[in-house]
C-alpha atoms as a PDB file:
ATOM      1  CA  MET A   1       0.000   0.000   0.000  1.00  0.00           C
ATOM      2  CA  THR A   2       1.313   3.422  -0.948  1.00  0.00           C
ATOM      3  CA  THR A   3       2.356   5.690   1.930  1.00  0.00           C
ATOM      4  CA  ALA A   4       1.916   9.430   1.433  1.00  0.00           C
ATOM      5  CA  VAL A   5       4.892  11.373   2.807  1.00  0.00           C
ATOM      6  CA  ASP A   6       4.985  15.169   3.067  1.00  0.00           C
ATOM      7  CA  PHE A   7       8.471  16.614   2.701  1.00  0.00           C
ATOM      8  CA  TRP A   8       9.125  20.316   3.347  1.00  0.00           C
ATOM      9  CA  VAL A   9      11.890  21.808   1.217  1.00  0.00           C
ATOM     10  CA  ASP A  10      13.704  24.974   0.321  1.00  0.00           C
ATOM     11  CA  PRO A  11      15.957  24.476  -2.718  1.00  0.00           C
ATOM     12  CA  ALA A  12      18.543  26.631  -0.939  1.00  0.00           C
ATOM     13  CA  CYS A  13      19.372  23.985   1.685  1.00  0.00           C
ATOM     14  CA  PRO A  14      22.122  21.472   0.790  1.00  0.00           C
ATOM     15  CA  TRP A  15      21.316  19.248   3.777  1.00  0.00           C
ATOM     16  CA  CYS A  16      17.693  19.091   2.668  1.00  0.00           C
ATOM     17  CA  TRP A  17      18.856  18.185  -0.829  1.00  0.00           C
ATOM     18  CA  ASN A  18      20.829  15.188   0.429  1.00  0.00           C
ATOM     19  CA  THR A  19      17.890  13.982   2.510  1.00  0.00           C
ATOM     20  CA  ALA A  20      15.560  14.423  -0.455  1.00  0.00           C
ATOM     21  CA  ARG A  21      17.849  12.431  -2.718  1.00  0.00           C
ATOM     22  CA  TRP A  22      18.064   9.662  -0.093  1.00  0.00           C
ATOM     23  CA  VAL A  23      14.273   9.429  -0.013  1.00  0.00           C
ATOM     24  CA  VAL A  24      13.746   9.759  -3.777  1.00  0.00           C
ATOM     25  CA  ASP A  25      16.607   7.585  -4.991  1.00  0.00           C
ATOM     26  CA  GLU A  26      16.849   4.906  -2.335  1.00  0.00           C
ATOM     27  CA  VAL A  27      13.707   4.701  -0.209  1.00  0.00           C
ATOM     28  CA  ALA A  28      10.601   5.659  -2.183  1.00  0.00           C
ATOM     29  CA  PRO A  29      10.885   2.886  -4.809  1.00  0.00           C
ATOM     30  CA  GLN A  30      11.389   0.199  -2.148  1.00  0.00           C
ATOM     31  CA  ARG A  31       8.855   1.436   0.416  1.00  0.00           C
ATOM     32  CA  ASP A  32       6.157   2.530  -2.056  1.00  0.00           C
ATOM     33  CA  LEU A  33       6.209   6.153  -0.937  1.00  0.00           C
ATOM     34  CA  GLU A  34       4.281   8.983  -2.570  1.00  0.00           C
ATOM     35  CA  ILE A  35       6.350  12.114  -1.908  1.00  0.00           C
ATOM     36  CA  ARG A  36       4.381  15.349  -1.657  1.00  0.00           C
ATOM     37  CA  TRP A  37       6.778  18.299  -1.709  1.00  0.00           C
ATOM     38  CA  GLN A  38       5.806  21.187   0.563  1.00  0.00           C
ATOM     39  CA  SER A  39       7.201  24.712   0.818  1.00  0.00           C
ATOM     40  CA  ILE A  40       9.296  26.087   3.645  1.00  0.00           C
ATOM     41  CA  SER A  41      11.123  29.332   2.919  1.00  0.00           C
ATOM     42  CA  LEU A  42      14.344  29.849   4.847  1.00  0.00           C
ATOM     43  CA  LEU A  43      14.068  33.541   3.969  1.00  0.00           C
ATOM     44  CA  MET A  44      10.667  33.785   5.633  1.00  0.00           C
ATOM     45  CA  LYS A  45      11.591  31.610   8.571  1.00  0.00           C
ATOM     46  CA  ASN A  46      15.055  32.922   9.437  1.00  0.00           C
ATOM     47  CA  GLN A  47      14.557  36.498   8.207  1.00  0.00           C
ATOM     48  CA  PRO A  48      18.232  37.172   7.435  1.00  0.00           C
ATOM     49  CA  PRO A  49      19.059  40.884   7.009  1.00  0.00           C
ATOM     50  CA  GLU A  50      19.626  42.084   3.462  1.00  0.00           C
ATOM     51  CA  ASP A  51      23.383  42.347   4.030  1.00  0.00           C
ATOM     52  CA  SER A  52      23.560  38.708   5.188  1.00  0.00           C
ATOM     53  CA  PRO A  53      25.314  36.202   2.893  1.00  0.00           C
ATOM     54  CA  TYR A  54      22.151  34.071   3.157  1.00  0.00           C
ATOM     55  CA  TYR A  55      19.692  36.733   2.029  1.00  0.00           C
ATOM     56  CA  GLU A  56      20.161  36.723  -1.733  1.00  0.00           C
ATOM     57  CA  GLY A  57      20.245  32.946  -2.105  1.00  0.00           C
ATOM     58  CA  THR A  58      17.102  32.371  -0.074  1.00  0.00           C
ATOM     59  CA  LEU A  59      15.328  35.189  -1.910  1.00  0.00           C
ATOM     60  CA  LYS A  60      16.086  33.431  -5.192  1.00  0.00           C
ATOM     61  CA  THR A  61      14.795  30.114  -3.927  1.00  0.00           C
ATOM     62  CA  LEU A  62      11.663  31.768  -2.522  1.00  0.00           C
ATOM     63  CA  ARG A  63      10.958  32.751  -6.131  1.00  0.00           C
ATOM     64  CA  MET A  64      11.274  29.049  -7.033  1.00  0.00           C
ATOM     65  CA  LEU A  65       8.861  28.116  -4.247  1.00  0.00           C
ATOM     66  CA  ARG A  66       6.308  30.615  -5.560  1.00  0.00           C
ATOM     67  CA  VAL A  67       6.532  28.858  -8.920  1.00  0.00           C
ATOM     68  CA  MET A  68       6.161  25.499  -7.193  1.00  0.00           C
ATOM     69  CA  GLU A  69       2.938  26.622  -5.531  1.00  0.00           C
ATOM     70  CA  ALA A  70       1.598  28.003  -8.809  1.00  0.00           C
ATOM     71  CA  ILE A  71       2.224  24.620 -10.450  1.00  0.00           C
ATOM     72  CA  ARG A  72       0.521  22.837  -7.557  1.00  0.00           C
ATOM     73  CA  ALA A  73      -2.511  25.125  -7.715  1.00  0.00           C
ATOM     74  CA  ALA A  74      -3.016  24.408 -11.410  1.00  0.00           C
ATOM     75  CA  GLU A  75      -1.899  20.792 -11.761  1.00  0.00           C
ATOM     76  CA  GLY A  76      -1.743  19.148  -8.333  1.00  0.00           C
ATOM     77  CA  ASP A  77       0.999  17.680  -6.152  1.00  0.00           C
ATOM     78  CA  ALA A  78       2.335  15.183  -8.669  1.00  0.00           C
ATOM     79  CA  ALA A  79       3.288  17.906 -11.145  1.00  0.00           C
ATOM     80  CA  ILE A  80       5.790  19.621  -8.842  1.00  0.00           C
ATOM     81  CA  SER A  81       8.251  16.775  -8.242  1.00  0.00           C
ATOM     82  CA  ASP A  82      10.307  17.486 -11.354  1.00  0.00           C
ATOM     83  CA  TRP A  83      10.341  21.179 -10.484  1.00  0.00           C
ATOM     84  CA  TYR A  84      11.900  20.699  -7.054  1.00  0.00           C
ATOM     85  CA  LEU A  85      14.383  18.129  -8.356  1.00  0.00           C
ATOM     86  CA  LEU A  86      15.370  20.450 -11.202  1.00  0.00           C
ATOM     87  CA  CYS A  87      15.844  23.403  -8.842  1.00  0.00           C
ATOM     88  CA  GLY A  88      17.899  21.340  -6.410  1.00  0.00           C
ATOM     89  CA  THR A  89      20.085  20.048  -9.221  1.00  0.00           C
ATOM     90  CA  ARG A  90      20.767  23.523 -10.567  1.00  0.00           C
ATOM     91  CA  VAL A  91      21.417  25.076  -7.146  1.00  0.00           C
ATOM     92  CA  HIS A  92      23.588  22.354  -5.635  1.00  0.00           C
ATOM     93  CA  HIS A  93      25.268  20.589  -8.539  1.00  0.00           C
ATOM     94  CA  ASP A  94      25.525  23.469 -10.988  1.00  0.00           C
ATOM     95  CA  GLN A  95      26.047  26.013  -8.200  1.00  0.00           C
ATOM     96  CA  THR A  96      23.652  28.574  -9.635  1.00  0.00           C
ATOM     97  CA  ALA A  97      20.274  29.989  -8.662  1.00  0.00           C
ATOM     98  CA  ASP A  98      20.280  32.399 -11.600  1.00  0.00           C
ATOM     99  CA  PHE A  99      18.937  30.064 -14.280  1.00  0.00           C
ATOM    100  CA  ASP A 100      16.002  31.180 -16.416  1.00  0.00           C
ATOM    101  CA  LEU A 101      12.892  29.841 -14.698  1.00  0.00           C
ATOM    102  CA  ALA A 102      10.725  29.867 -17.824  1.00  0.00           C
ATOM    103  CA  ASP A 103      13.301  27.894 -19.804  1.00  0.00           C
ATOM    104  CA  ALA A 104      13.641  25.459 -16.909  1.00  0.00           C
ATOM    105  CA  LEU A 105       9.880  24.918 -16.776  1.00  0.00           C
ATOM    106  CA  GLU A 106       9.758  24.252 -20.494  1.00  0.00           C
ATOM    107  CA  SER A 107      12.603  21.725 -20.199  1.00  0.00           C
ATOM    108  CA  ILE A 108      10.448  19.512 -17.947  1.00  0.00           C
ATOM    109  CA  GLY A 109       7.279  19.903 -19.973  1.00  0.00           C
ATOM    110  CA  LEU A 110       5.581  22.603 -17.915  1.00  0.00           C
ATOM    111  CA  ASP A 111       4.079  25.880 -19.076  1.00  0.00           C
ATOM    112  CA  ARG A 112       6.575  28.753 -19.216  1.00  0.00           C
ATOM    113  CA  ASP A 113       3.905  31.056 -17.825  1.00  0.00           C
ATOM    114  CA  TYR A 114       4.298  29.558 -14.347  1.00  0.00           C
ATOM    115  CA  ALA A 115       7.521  31.584 -14.134  1.00  0.00           C
ATOM    116  CA  LYS A 116       5.401  34.716 -13.716  1.00  0.00           C
ATOM    117  CA  ALA A 117       4.608  33.528 -10.184  1.00  0.00           C
ATOM    118  CA  ALA A 118       8.241  34.079  -9.176  1.00  0.00           C
ATOM    119  CA  ASP A 119       7.683  37.812  -8.815  1.00  0.00           C
ATOM    120  CA  ASP A 120       4.074  37.674  -7.598  1.00  0.00           C
ATOM    121  CA  ALA A 121       4.687  37.857  -3.859  1.00  0.00           C
ATOM    122  CA  ASP A 122       1.190  39.125  -3.063  1.00  0.00           C
ATOM    123  CA  THR A 123      -0.458  36.005  -4.475  1.00  0.00           C
ATOM    124  CA  TRP A 124       2.000  33.267  -3.575  1.00  0.00           C
ATOM    125  CA  ASP A 125       3.833  34.283  -0.401  1.00  0.00           C
ATOM    126  CA  PRO A 126       0.766  33.698   1.800  1.00  0.00           C
ATOM    127  CA  ILE A 127       0.493  30.200   0.310  1.00  0.00           C
ATOM    128  CA  VAL A 128       4.183  29.458   0.841  1.00  0.00           C
ATOM    129  CA  ARG A 129       3.904  30.730   4.406  1.00  0.00           C
ATOM    130  CA  ALA A 130       0.803  28.635   5.107  1.00  0.00           C
ATOM    131  CA  GLY A 131       2.572  25.512   3.901  1.00  0.00           C
ATOM    132  CA  GLN A 132       5.570  26.371   6.049  1.00  0.00           C
ATOM    133  CA  GLU A 133       3.413  26.865   9.136  1.00  0.00           C
ATOM    134  CA  ALA A 134       1.726  23.503   8.558  1.00  0.00           C
ATOM    135  CA  GLY A 135       5.120  21.790   8.679  1.00  0.00           C
ATOM    136  CA  LEU A 136       6.327  23.694  11.737  1.00  0.00           C
ATOM    137  CA  ALA A 137       3.087  22.882  13.537  1.00  0.00           C
ATOM    138  CA  LEU A 138       4.198  19.246  13.474  1.00  0.00           C
ATOM    139  CA  THR A 139       7.731  19.836  14.739  1.00  0.00           C
ATOM    140  CA  GLY A 140       7.933  23.136  16.580  1.00  0.00           C
ATOM    141  CA  ASP A 141       9.563  26.321  15.354  1.00  0.00           C
ATOM    142  CA  ASP A 142      13.179  25.607  16.334  1.00  0.00           C
ATOM    143  CA  VAL A 143      13.950  23.558  13.213  1.00  0.00           C
ATOM    144  CA  GLY A 144      14.670  24.220   9.555  1.00  0.00           C
ATOM    145  CA  THR A 145      14.766  21.840   6.621  1.00  0.00           C
ATOM    146  CA  PRO A 146      14.158  19.026   5.999  1.00  0.00           C
ATOM    147  CA  ILE A 147      10.861  18.217   7.669  1.00  0.00           C
ATOM    148  CA  ILE A 148       9.205  14.879   6.911  1.00  0.00           C
ATOM    149  CA  ALA A 149       5.667  13.904   7.947  1.00  0.00           C
ATOM    150  CA  PHE A 150       3.434  10.892   7.445  1.00  0.00           C
ATOM    151  CA  THR A 151       0.426   9.150   8.965  1.00  0.00           C
ATOM    152  CA  GLY A 152       1.378   6.050  10.921  1.00  0.00           C
ATOM    153  CA  SER A 153      -0.446   2.753  11.175  1.00  0.00           C
ATOM    154  CA  ASP A 154      -2.146   4.124  14.308  1.00  0.00           C
ATOM    155  CA  GLY A 155      -3.754   6.893  12.239  1.00  0.00           C
ATOM    156  CA  GLU A 156      -1.717   9.675  13.855  1.00  0.00           C
ATOM    157  CA  ARG A 157       0.027  12.197  11.610  1.00  0.00           C
ATOM    158  CA  ARG A 158       3.477  13.087  12.884  1.00  0.00           C
ATOM    159  CA  GLY A 159       6.416  15.075  11.606  1.00  0.00           C
ATOM    160  CA  ILE A 160      10.109  15.220  12.364  1.00  0.00           C
ATOM    161  CA  PHE A 161      13.067  17.407  11.457  1.00  0.00           C
ATOM    162  CA  GLY A 162      15.771  15.497   9.627  1.00  0.00           C
ATOM    163  CA  PRO A 163      17.529  13.271   9.183  1.00  0.00           C
ATOM    164  CA  VAL A 164      20.515  15.518   8.499  1.00  0.00           C
ATOM    165  CA  ILE A 165      23.016  13.510   6.476  1.00  0.00           C
ATOM    166  CA  SER A 166      26.255  14.457   4.782  1.00  0.00           C
ATOM    167  CA  ARG A 167      26.372  11.236   2.751  1.00  0.00           C
ATOM    168  CA  ILE A 168      23.483   9.266   1.299  1.00  0.00           C
ATOM    169  CA  PRO A 169      23.184   5.674   2.499  1.00  0.00           C
ATOM    170  CA  THR A 170      22.303   3.144  -0.167  1.00  0.00           C
ATOM    171  CA  GLY A 171      20.692  -0.263  -0.370  1.00  0.00           C
ATOM    172  CA  ASP A 172      19.844  -1.958   2.907  1.00  0.00           C
ATOM    173  CA  ASP A 173      21.439   0.847   4.923  1.00  0.00           C
ATOM    174  CA  ALA A 174      19.136   3.405   3.301  1.00  0.00           C
ATOM    175  CA  LEU A 175      16.047   1.370   4.114  1.00  0.00           C
ATOM    176  CA  ALA A 176      17.196   0.635   7.653  1.00  0.00           C
ATOM    177  CA  MET A 177      17.639   4.345   8.306  1.00  0.00           C
ATOM    178  CA  TRP A 178      14.164   5.092   6.949  1.00  0.00           C
ATOM    179  CA  ASP A 179      12.583   2.378   9.083  1.00  0.00           C
ATOM    180  CA  ALA A 180      14.415   3.644  12.170  1.00  0.00           C
ATOM    181  CA  MET A 181      13.344   7.228  11.477  1.00  0.00           C
ATOM    182  CA  GLU A 182       9.749   6.129  11.072  1.00  0.00           C
ATOM    183  CA  ALA A 183       9.909   4.161  14.336  1.00  0.00           C
ATOM    184  CA  PHE A 184      11.401   7.074  16.297  1.00  0.00           C
ATOM    185  CA  THR A 185       8.869   9.503  14.847  1.00  0.00           C
ATOM    186  CA  LYS A 186       5.977   7.378  16.093  1.00  0.00           C
ATOM    187  CA  VAL A 187       7.227   7.405  19.692  1.00  0.00           C
ATOM    188  CA  ASP A 188       5.537  10.125  21.722  1.00  0.00           C
ATOM    189  CA  GLY A 189       8.156  11.850  23.844  1.00  0.00           C
ATOM    190  CA  PHE A 190      11.049  11.224  21.459  1.00  0.00           C
ATOM    191  CA  TRP A 191      12.747  14.512  20.540  1.00  0.00           C
ATOM    192  CA  GLU A 192      16.308  14.341  19.369  1.00  0.00           C
ATOM    193  CA  LEU A 193      19.380  12.351  18.379  1.00  0.00           C
ATOM    194  CA  LYS A 194      22.456  14.367  17.453  1.00  0.00           C
ATOM    195  CA  ARG A 195      26.210  14.400  17.042  1.00  0.00           C
ATOM    196  CA  THR A 196      28.619  17.109  15.904  1.00  0.00           C
ATOM    197  CA  ARG A 197      28.959  17.447  12.127  1.00  0.00           C
ATOM    198  CA  THR A 198      32.506  16.866  10.919  1.00  0.00           C
ATOM    199  CA  GLU A 199      31.922  17.270   7.172  1.00  0.00           C
ATOM    200  CA  GLY A 200      29.673  19.145   4.790  1.00  0.00           C
ATOM    201  CA  PRO A 201      27.181  17.621   2.362  1.00  0.00           C
ATOM    202  CA  ILE A 202      28.656  15.237  -0.195  1.00  0.00           C
ATOM    203  CA  PHE A 203      26.160  15.153  -3.035  1.00  0.00           C
ATOM    204  CA  PRO A 204      25.221  12.051  -5.007  1.00  0.00           C
ATOM    205  CA  GLU A 205      25.429  11.872  -8.775  1.00  0.00           C
ATOM    206  CA  ARG A 206      23.824  14.804 -10.581  1.00  0.00           C
ATOM    207  CA  LEU A 207      20.301  14.245 -11.863  1.00  0.00           C
ATOM    208  CA  ASP A 208      19.707  14.780 -15.567  1.00  0.00           C
ATOM    209  CA  TYR A 209      17.908  18.130 -15.355  1.00  0.00           C
END
């Protein structure tokens, strides 16, 4: 039976990208997951000042999230998967957030006109923010990306921040980590496992976007 999993993303976050690739590449095909990408804007959440090194990058990816919500509004959840994966590939593998959004949409078979949403803050920012607040309601406000949520066998919907991974596990290790994460998430009163990071994200092979 297919399990619907909500996954909150900002294309700006490299840690989120690694977690997303773990789920998409290694877990979803083996655990029959339906991934529903949700918006969380690190610009909105963290509110970096305009002179911060994080401001410009998260502003650019907020524009991508506006486009994502415009696609969802017109075509549904399934239509936005390629958009997030394309944006993540360009930002993290190609090291650019300055690609032409209309051309990118066309390259994955979507209408170029969705790019107009990138600059329509009045329409789409409230929708991005509402999606963000829905994710944070499941975890608390002292987290960032990624957030993953699902409904367990007991019928309860729960969310968790993480996992934060520098390298993507594969094969049995990937599935074992997913199963462990799901088990921890279901335990009321479980909050945190953590150790100091000693390396940055090491990305998997580039997707063909």
